[in-house]
Protein backbone atom coordinates (compact mmCIF):
# COMPACT_ATOMS: atom_id res chain seq x y z
CA MET A 1 84.92 79.58 100.98
CA THR A 2 85.17 83.08 100.05
CA HIS A 3 86.15 86.00 101.96
CA LEU A 4 87.74 89.24 102.04
CA PHE A 5 89.95 88.52 105.29
CA PHE A 6 92.83 87.95 103.85
CA ARG A 7 95.28 84.99 104.26
CA SER A 8 98.92 86.96 104.43
CA ALA A 9 100.13 90.23 106.28
CA ALA A 10 103.08 89.75 103.68
CA PRO A 11 103.55 93.20 102.25
CA LEU A 12 102.60 93.75 98.46
CA LEU A 13 105.92 94.99 96.20
CA GLY A 14 103.83 95.74 92.89
CA LEU A 15 99.86 94.79 91.95
CA LEU A 16 98.64 93.82 87.99
CA MET A 17 95.02 93.50 86.75
CA MET A 18 95.08 92.01 83.86
CA VAL A 19 91.61 90.74 81.99
CA PHE A 20 91.88 87.61 79.80
CA SER A 21 90.63 87.86 76.35
CA SER A 22 88.71 84.67 75.27
CA LEU A 23 88.94 81.48 76.69
CA ALA A 24 89.96 79.56 73.55
CA GLN A 25 92.81 81.48 73.14
CA SER A 26 93.99 80.95 76.75
CA GLN A 27 93.75 77.02 77.45
CA GLY A 28 97.75 76.06 78.96
CA ALA A 29 99.61 72.62 79.75
CA ALA A 30 97.84 73.42 83.55
CA GLY A 31 94.55 73.46 82.35
CA SER A 32 91.65 74.52 82.77
CA PHE A 33 88.39 74.14 85.35
CA VAL A 34 84.77 74.58 86.25
CA VAL A 35 83.96 76.49 89.76
CA THR A 36 80.71 76.58 90.92
CA LEU A 37 79.97 79.49 92.98
CA THR A 38 76.84 79.71 95.44
CA ASN A 39 75.24 82.06 97.50
CA PRO A 40 73.58 80.01 100.37
CA LEU A 41 71.10 83.41 101.37
CA ASP A 42 67.91 84.26 100.13
CA LEU A 43 69.42 88.10 100.39
CA GLU A 44 70.78 89.41 97.02
CA ARG A 45 74.67 90.43 97.33
CA ALA A 46 75.95 93.21 95.23
CA ASP A 47 79.52 93.47 94.11
CA GLU A 48 80.53 90.35 96.53
CA PRO A 49 83.98 90.38 97.21
CA ILE A 50 85.52 86.70 95.86
CA LEU A 51 89.61 86.04 96.34
CA TRP A 52 91.60 83.03 95.73
CA GLY A 53 94.83 82.17 96.34
CA ARG A 54 97.24 80.74 94.20
CA ALA A 55 97.85 77.86 96.23
CA GLU A 56 94.08 76.67 95.74
CA LEU A 57 93.69 77.27 91.67
CA GLU A 58 96.91 74.96 91.93
CA LYS A 59 95.46 72.11 93.23
CA LYS A 60 93.53 72.00 89.83
CA LEU A 61 95.64 73.65 87.26
CA GLY A 62 98.64 71.86 88.72
CA ALA A 63 101.59 74.29 88.79
CA ILE A 64 101.24 77.42 87.27
CA PRO A 65 104.40 78.50 85.22
CA ALA A 66 106.27 81.48 86.49
CA GLY A 67 104.77 84.64 84.52
CA LYS A 68 101.82 82.71 83.50
CA PHE A 69 98.08 84.11 85.05
CA ILE A 70 94.64 82.80 85.01
CA GLN A 71 91.83 83.85 82.85
CA VAL A 72 87.89 83.56 85.01
CA SER A 73 85.13 83.24 82.44
CA GLY A 74 81.66 83.43 82.78
CA GLU A 75 78.52 81.05 81.81
CA ASN A 76 78.75 83.60 78.29
CA GLU A 77 82.53 83.02 77.87
CA ARG A 78 83.24 86.43 78.68
CA PRO A 79 86.25 87.22 80.36
CA VAL A 80 85.89 88.36 83.55
CA ALA A 81 87.73 91.19 85.23
CA VAL A 82 90.13 90.57 87.91
CA GLN A 83 92.92 91.79 89.72
CA PHE A 84 95.85 89.47 90.50
CA ASP A 85 98.18 90.54 93.58
CA ASP A 86 101.99 89.77 94.71
CA ARG A 87 101.71 89.50 98.18
CA ASP A 88 105.16 88.35 99.46
CA GLY A 89 106.86 90.14 97.14
CA ASP A 90 108.97 87.37 94.64
CA GLY A 91 107.40 89.27 91.36
CA GLN A 92 104.02 86.19 91.21
CA TRP A 93 101.12 86.78 91.74
CA ASP A 94 99.41 84.98 95.02
CA GLU A 95 95.99 85.95 94.86
CA VAL A 96 93.02 86.64 92.60
CA PHE A 97 90.72 89.05 93.68
CA PHE A 98 87.32 90.57 91.82
CA VAL A 99 83.54 91.14 92.53
CA ARG A 100 80.48 89.71 91.45
CA SER A 101 77.27 89.97 92.33
CA PHE A 102 74.65 87.10 93.28
CA GLY A 103 70.64 87.36 93.29
CA ALA A 104 69.02 85.41 96.34
CA LYS A 105 70.67 81.13 96.46
CA GLU A 106 72.17 82.16 93.03
CA ARG A 107 74.66 79.49 91.70
CA ILE A 108 77.11 80.61 89.20
CA ARG A 109 79.53 78.36 87.09
CA LEU A 110 82.79 80.42 85.76
CA GLN A 111 85.57 78.68 83.91
CA ILE A 112 89.16 79.22 85.08
CA ALA A 113 92.44 77.71 83.06
CA VAL A 114 95.77 78.93 82.63
CA ALA A 115 96.52 82.09 80.33
CA GLU A 116 99.67 82.51 78.24
CA GLY A 117 99.39 86.30 78.39
CA PRO A 118 97.14 89.47 79.38
CA ALA A 119 95.29 91.88 77.50
CA ALA A 120 94.49 95.00 78.92
CA VAL A 121 90.68 95.96 78.91
CA LYS A 122 90.11 99.17 80.56
CA VAL A 123 87.82 99.21 83.69
CA VAL A 124 86.59 101.65 85.85
CA VAL A 125 88.91 102.20 89.50
CA ARG A 126 86.55 101.51 92.08
CA ALA A 127 88.82 101.09 94.98
CA HIS A 128 92.35 103.64 95.81
CA VAL A 129 94.72 104.58 98.37
CA ARG A 130 97.02 107.24 98.28
CA MET A 131 100.00 108.77 100.72
CA ARG A 132 101.36 111.88 98.78
CA ALA A 133 104.01 114.25 100.75
CA LYS A 134 104.23 118.18 100.68
CA ASN A 135 107.10 119.36 98.38
CA GLY A 136 109.28 122.55 99.12
CA ASP A 137 106.71 124.60 97.00
CA GLY A 138 104.20 123.72 98.64
CA SER A 139 102.50 121.30 96.39
CA PHE A 140 101.93 117.83 96.74
CA GLY A 141 103.88 114.81 95.19
CA SER A 142 103.47 111.46 93.74
CA LEU A 143 101.64 108.91 95.39
CA LEU A 144 104.86 106.93 97.52
CA ASP A 145 104.63 103.25 98.21
CA SER A 146 105.98 103.73 101.96
CA ALA A 147 106.86 106.23 104.73
CA VAL A 148 107.90 106.80 108.18
CA MET A 149 106.22 109.07 110.38
CA PRO A 150 108.28 111.74 112.05
CA VAL A 151 108.64 110.74 115.72
CA ARG A 152 105.84 112.47 118.24
CA ASN A 153 105.38 114.19 114.88
CA PRO A 154 102.32 116.86 116.11
CA PRO A 155 99.00 117.40 114.59
CA THR A 156 99.41 120.62 111.63
CA ASP A 157 99.39 124.24 112.85
CA PHE A 158 97.00 125.45 110.20
CA SER A 159 96.97 128.76 111.98
CA VAL A 160 100.96 128.91 111.05
CA ASN A 161 100.78 126.38 107.45
CA ARG A 162 98.03 126.57 105.21
CA LEU A 163 99.01 122.80 104.25
CA PRO A 164 99.90 120.12 106.27
CA PRO A 165 102.79 117.78 105.25
CA TRP A 166 100.75 114.72 104.07
CA LEU A 167 98.08 115.66 101.22
CA THR A 168 94.67 115.48 104.47
CA GLU A 169 97.27 115.20 106.85
CA GLY A 170 97.67 111.20 106.08
CA PRO A 171 97.18 108.18 104.08
CA ALA A 172 93.90 108.33 102.50
CA TRP A 173 91.75 105.13 101.18
CA GLU A 174 88.08 105.06 99.27
CA ASN A 175 86.03 103.16 96.89
CA ASP A 176 83.03 104.24 95.21
CA LYS A 177 81.13 104.81 98.21
CA VAL A 178 83.01 105.77 101.04
CA ALA A 179 86.03 107.66 101.39
CA TYR A 180 88.51 107.80 105.27
CA ARG A 181 91.85 109.14 106.52
CA LEU A 182 94.27 108.53 109.08
CA TYR A 183 95.86 111.08 110.89
CA PHE A 184 99.68 110.70 110.47
CA ASP A 185 100.43 112.69 113.37
CA THR A 186 100.37 111.61 117.50
CA ARG A 187 96.42 111.47 117.07
CA ASN A 188 96.53 108.71 115.03
CA ASP A 189 92.61 108.69 114.57
CA LYS A 190 90.32 107.76 111.60
CA ASP A 191 88.27 110.19 110.09
CA ILE A 192 85.29 109.92 107.22
CA TYR A 193 84.45 111.75 103.68
CA GLY A 194 81.51 110.79 102.84
CA LYS A 195 81.07 110.92 98.79
CA THR A 196 77.87 112.10 96.53
CA THR A 197 80.46 110.43 93.49
CA THR A 198 81.62 107.15 92.74
CA ALA A 199 84.95 108.50 91.01
CA MET A 200 88.40 108.62 93.30
CA VAL A 201 88.48 112.01 94.96
CA MET A 202 90.91 111.37 97.04
CA ASP A 203 94.30 112.53 95.11
CA GLU A 204 92.56 116.39 94.52
CA VAL A 205 90.77 116.61 97.84
CA GLY A 206 92.63 119.08 100.17
CA VAL A 207 95.52 120.03 97.56
CA ASN A 208 93.56 123.54 97.08
CA PRO A 209 94.06 125.18 100.74
CA ASP A 210 91.26 127.65 99.59
CA LYS A 211 88.68 125.35 98.63
CA SER A 212 87.78 123.47 102.55
CA TYR A 213 86.97 119.64 102.14
CA HIS A 214 84.32 120.56 105.46
CA GLU A 215 82.03 122.09 103.26
CA LEU A 216 79.76 119.99 101.02
CA ALA A 217 81.21 120.38 97.34
CA ASP A 218 80.07 118.14 94.09
CA TRP A 219 81.94 115.02 95.53
CA GLY A 220 81.22 115.17 98.77
CA MET A 221 82.70 116.78 101.58
CA ASP A 222 84.55 115.69 105.68
CA ILE A 223 81.59 114.40 107.69
CA LEU A 224 82.69 113.05 111.02
CA LYS A 225 83.57 114.98 113.86
CA VAL A 226 87.02 113.44 115.79
CA GLY A 227 87.81 115.27 118.38
CA GLY A 228 89.28 113.05 120.99
CA SER A 229 87.25 110.15 120.42
CA LEU A 230 88.90 107.19 118.45
CA GLY A 231 86.86 108.64 115.28
CA ALA A 232 85.97 105.80 112.49
CA GLY A 233 87.39 102.82 113.95
CA ALA A 234 90.89 104.23 115.51
CA LEU A 235 92.82 102.02 117.98
CA ALA A 236 93.37 101.39 121.32
CA ILE A 237 93.95 98.98 123.61
CA SER A 238 92.41 98.30 127.11
CA VAL A 239 95.04 97.87 129.67
CA PRO A 240 94.87 95.57 133.02
CA VAL A 241 96.19 97.37 136.05
CA PRO A 242 96.44 95.90 139.53
CA GLY A 243 94.07 97.01 142.24
CA ARG A 244 92.61 99.68 139.02
CA LYS A 245 89.74 99.16 136.88
CA ASP A 246 91.18 99.07 133.00
CA THR A 247 92.62 101.96 131.88
CA LEU A 248 92.36 102.47 127.69
CA MET A 249 95.28 103.48 126.02
CA ARG A 250 95.67 105.19 122.73
CA LEU A 251 97.39 103.90 119.93
CA GLY A 252 99.27 107.12 119.43
CA GLY A 253 100.65 109.98 121.20
CA LEU A 254 104.13 109.83 122.86
CA HIS A 255 104.40 106.31 124.03
CA VAL A 256 104.61 105.20 119.56
CA ARG A 257 107.99 105.34 119.31
CA ARG A 258 107.79 104.29 115.61
CA GLU A 259 104.81 104.07 112.76
CA ALA A 260 104.96 103.17 109.30
CA PHE A 261 103.04 103.34 106.67
CA ARG A 262 103.04 101.05 103.70
CA LYS A 263 101.04 100.28 100.18
CA VAL A 264 100.11 96.89 99.70
CA ALA A 265 97.51 96.95 96.98
CA ASP A 266 95.85 99.72 94.47
CA GLY A 267 93.27 99.14 92.52
CA PRO A 268 91.10 98.95 90.84
CA PHE A 269 89.08 96.47 92.65
CA ARG A 270 90.65 96.71 96.09
CA ALA A 271 92.98 99.07 97.36
CA ILE A 272 95.41 97.82 100.83
CA PHE A 273 97.62 99.55 103.18
CA ARG A 274 99.42 98.63 105.87
CA MET A 275 100.21 100.37 109.71
CA ASP A 276 103.34 99.32 111.72
CA TYR A 277 103.44 100.56 114.97
CA GLU A 278 106.57 100.10 118.08
CA TRP A 279 104.46 100.75 120.38
CA GLU A 280 105.30 101.35 124.63
CA ILE A 281 102.57 100.08 127.57
CA ASN A 282 104.15 100.08 131.02
CA ASP A 283 107.86 100.53 129.63
CA HIS A 284 107.71 97.52 127.96
CA PRO A 285 107.37 97.25 123.92
CA VAL A 286 104.53 96.33 121.88
CA THR A 287 104.03 95.93 118.02
CA VAL A 288 101.24 96.36 116.26
CA SER A 289 100.32 95.68 112.72
CA GLU A 290 96.98 97.23 111.12
CA GLU A 291 96.53 95.99 107.74
CA THR A 292 93.30 97.85 106.00
CA ALA A 293 90.88 97.11 102.95
CA ILE A 294 87.85 98.78 101.21
CA ALA A 295 86.94 96.86 98.35
CA ALA A 296 84.66 97.95 95.23
CA GLY A 297 80.62 98.24 96.06
CA GLN A 298 80.94 98.12 99.37
CA TYR A 299 79.84 100.96 102.68
CA TYR A 300 83.05 99.54 105.10
CA TYR A 301 86.49 99.36 105.20
CA GLU A 302 88.35 96.15 106.92
CA SER A 303 91.16 95.75 109.04
CA LYS A 304 93.24 92.92 110.74
CA VAL A 305 95.33 93.83 113.08
CA THR A 306 97.90 91.51 114.72
CA VAL A 307 99.52 92.80 118.54
CA SER A 308 102.23 91.73 119.84
CA GLY A 309 103.87 91.71 123.45
CA ALA A 310 100.90 93.46 125.20
CA PRO A 311 100.48 92.46 128.60
CA ALA A 312 97.61 89.50 129.89
CA GLY A 313 94.37 90.25 129.87
CA SER A 314 94.81 93.29 127.51
CA ARG A 315 91.97 94.29 124.93
CA LEU A 316 91.89 95.90 121.80
CA VAL A 317 89.53 98.80 121.40
CA THR A 318 88.01 100.28 118.51
CA GLY A 319 85.06 102.70 118.28
CA ILE A 320 82.89 104.94 116.72
CA ALA A 321 83.04 108.83 117.41
CA ASN A 322 79.55 110.15 119.67
CA PHE A 323 79.11 113.47 118.84
CA TYR A 324 75.87 115.83 118.08
CA THR A 325 72.21 113.57 118.11
CA ASN A 326 72.34 110.05 117.80
CA ALA A 327 71.34 106.52 118.87
CA PRO A 328 73.78 103.75 120.04
CA GLY A 329 72.83 100.53 119.61
CA ASN A 330 74.42 96.57 119.37
CA PHE A 331 73.05 92.49 118.00
CA ARG A 332 74.77 89.72 117.96
CA LYS A 333 73.72 87.95 114.83
CA ASP A 334 75.61 84.39 113.74
CA ALA A 335 78.81 84.55 113.82
CA ALA A 336 78.81 88.16 114.36
CA ALA A 337 78.71 91.15 116.87
CA VAL A 338 77.67 93.99 115.71
CA LEU A 339 78.10 98.30 117.69
CA TYR A 340 76.38 101.09 115.68
CA SER A 341 74.54 104.27 116.41
CA TYR A 342 72.22 106.51 114.11
CA GLY A 343 71.30 110.09 113.92
CA ARG A 344 71.76 114.03 112.43
CA GLN A 345 75.49 113.48 113.59
CA SER A 346 77.23 114.52 110.04
CA GLU A 347 79.02 117.42 109.54
CA ASN A 348 76.78 118.96 107.73
CA LYS A 349 74.27 117.75 109.93
CA ASP A 350 72.67 115.29 108.20
CA LEU A 351 71.66 111.93 108.70
CA LEU A 352 74.29 109.35 109.36
CA GLY A 353 74.76 105.90 110.53
CA MET A 354 78.13 103.93 111.61
CA GLY A 355 79.20 100.95 112.74
CA ILE A 356 81.80 98.24 113.70
CA LEU A 357 81.44 94.50 112.89
CA VAL A 358 83.65 91.93 115.15
CA ARG A 359 84.22 88.36 114.28
CA LYS A 360 81.65 87.08 117.61
CA ARG A 361 84.01 84.23 118.72
CA ASP A 362 86.09 87.34 119.55
CA PHE A 363 84.23 89.65 121.30
CA SER A 364 84.54 90.82 124.59
CA THR A 365 82.28 93.75 125.36
CA PHE A 366 80.40 96.80 124.31
CA SER A 367 80.84 100.09 126.16
CA SER A 368 81.11 104.34 125.92
CA ARG A 369 83.98 106.63 127.05
CA PRO A 370 82.78 109.92 128.58
CA ALA A 371 82.92 113.12 127.07
CA SER A 372 85.64 114.35 129.29
CA GLY A 373 88.78 113.00 131.51
CA SER A 374 90.36 110.13 129.38
CA ASP A 375 92.61 109.44 126.78
CA VAL A 376 89.64 108.32 124.81
CA THR A 377 86.33 110.45 125.14
CA SER A 378 83.16 110.92 122.97
CA THR A 379 83.26 107.55 121.74
CA TYR A 380 81.39 104.45 121.34
CA THR A 381 83.63 101.49 121.95
CA VAL A 382 84.13 97.29 121.13
CA SER A 383 86.68 95.55 122.52
CA GLN A 384 88.39 92.28 121.65
CA ARG A 385 89.94 89.75 123.43
CA ILE A 386 93.25 89.11 121.72
CA PRO A 387 95.00 85.92 120.54
CA LYS A 388 98.56 85.05 120.67
CA ASP A 389 98.97 82.88 117.44
CA ARG A 390 96.43 85.01 114.54
CA PRO A 391 94.83 88.66 114.25
CA VAL A 392 91.57 89.85 114.90
CA TYR A 393 89.40 91.59 112.49
CA PHE A 394 86.55 94.22 112.46
CA ARG A 395 84.87 96.47 109.75
CA PHE A 396 83.70 99.79 109.93
CA TYR A 397 80.41 100.83 107.94
CA THR A 398 79.31 104.23 106.89
CA GLY A 399 75.88 105.00 105.74
CA TRP A 400 75.57 108.55 104.94
CA GLU A 401 71.83 110.11 103.32
CA ARG A 402 73.78 111.96 100.86
CA THR A 403 75.34 109.45 99.49
CA ASP A 404 72.32 106.92 99.33
CA PRO A 405 68.97 108.42 100.21
CA GLY A 406 67.73 105.40 101.70
CA PHE A 407 70.57 106.26 105.08
CA ALA A 408 68.13 108.50 105.89
CA SER A 409 66.06 105.79 107.21
CA ALA A 410 66.91 103.97 110.34
CA GLU A 411 65.37 101.10 109.94
CA TYR A 412 67.62 100.84 106.15
CA PHE A 413 70.69 101.38 108.00
CA THR A 414 69.86 98.55 110.79
CA ASP A 415 68.23 95.95 107.95
CA MET A 416 71.69 97.30 105.99
CA LEU A 417 73.71 95.82 109.28
CA LYS A 418 71.74 92.66 109.82
CA GLY A 419 72.21 91.90 106.05
CA GLU A 420 75.84 92.41 106.46
CA ALA A 421 76.18 90.30 109.58
CA ALA A 422 74.50 87.35 107.76
CA LYS A 423 76.24 88.17 104.84
CA PHE A 424 79.84 88.02 106.90
CA SER A 425 78.48 84.48 108.50
CA HIS A 426 77.37 82.70 105.69
CA PRO A 427 80.02 83.69 102.67
CA ILE A 428 79.97 82.47 99.02
CA GLN A 429 80.11 78.86 98.52
CA VAL A 430 83.00 77.34 96.83
CA LYS A 431 83.04 74.01 94.60
CA TRP A 432 86.18 73.31 92.84
């Protein structure tokens, strides 16, 4: 089965995007084969993410020689634009990624063949991640592949500094629907930029302090109040304490000893970055790795979180900011558990829906945090068990009415989430 959940957590040192010429030009010694993809649902699936590993392709093609690629061609023999990612840093691609729309119950056939070399074809970039540091002259430098946060780095005091040390205060990731950012400081929170354009804009948003991203512009704006909440899917851990109720600790603040950013992949169809944390809980070292991905055409980002060293019985917690006027809800459907809120809760005072989808097998509880008196406040939360031998996942959804007028309807938003739960539970079937 094909899924956006990633098979490897190894860092990516490079990304190649190649689109290949005609099938007749690309037949290689390893041969070719036809793969059938089937949508099992009576539901349309726009820009469905398709991910194949090199190892599973080689089961049909034989060993793919070093320096060679594959070509994917449709039934009309036209090449399909795909993205190649080298996830283990050995100089050879490990995964092939692309997006394909499916009608209800649609079945398609694709030709796969070894390619001698790529033929560059222009494509529209639909996913991007960036980290940019401020230069001494107040400008922002080129895109960074990695960065380490200064220990206990405080939030920017904008009364003293007009610009933060990193553009928009930390890494940002986006697709053609929505954008997000992570505060690269002790808050370690996540925020949402609502978009009214399909273009990639986060390289420039925030560069000029005279153009506030808190005000509606032609590209969109910052639409979420974060405060002391978990914002748009920030992390915390619920830790058992003998004789007391569980206490919730935000992944941030003075307990984080090290925090590092690494770019993993950067478009055109998916973008990935990884955050690695060295933490301390009750004087015991804990490590947390979060790999976050965003794919073209989707209203969500997805995180894979690995936790090592947490006290027994701990739960991984994430959540949705609870400010202004909104109505929360939750449901379980097939293999998914979903938490959401909807209402006039954007910073533009218009309609915004937010949701979190987790695997039902890892789900623990839905809850909420008070407006004060806690390390984490004003948040609807979902907690998950922390397995010893594998990561846990979640998807964070955003539906803003200015991105899609349909999101002006609560029913439209919740129907979207129900459809997402169905697609999550019934991925595209692959017959090699």
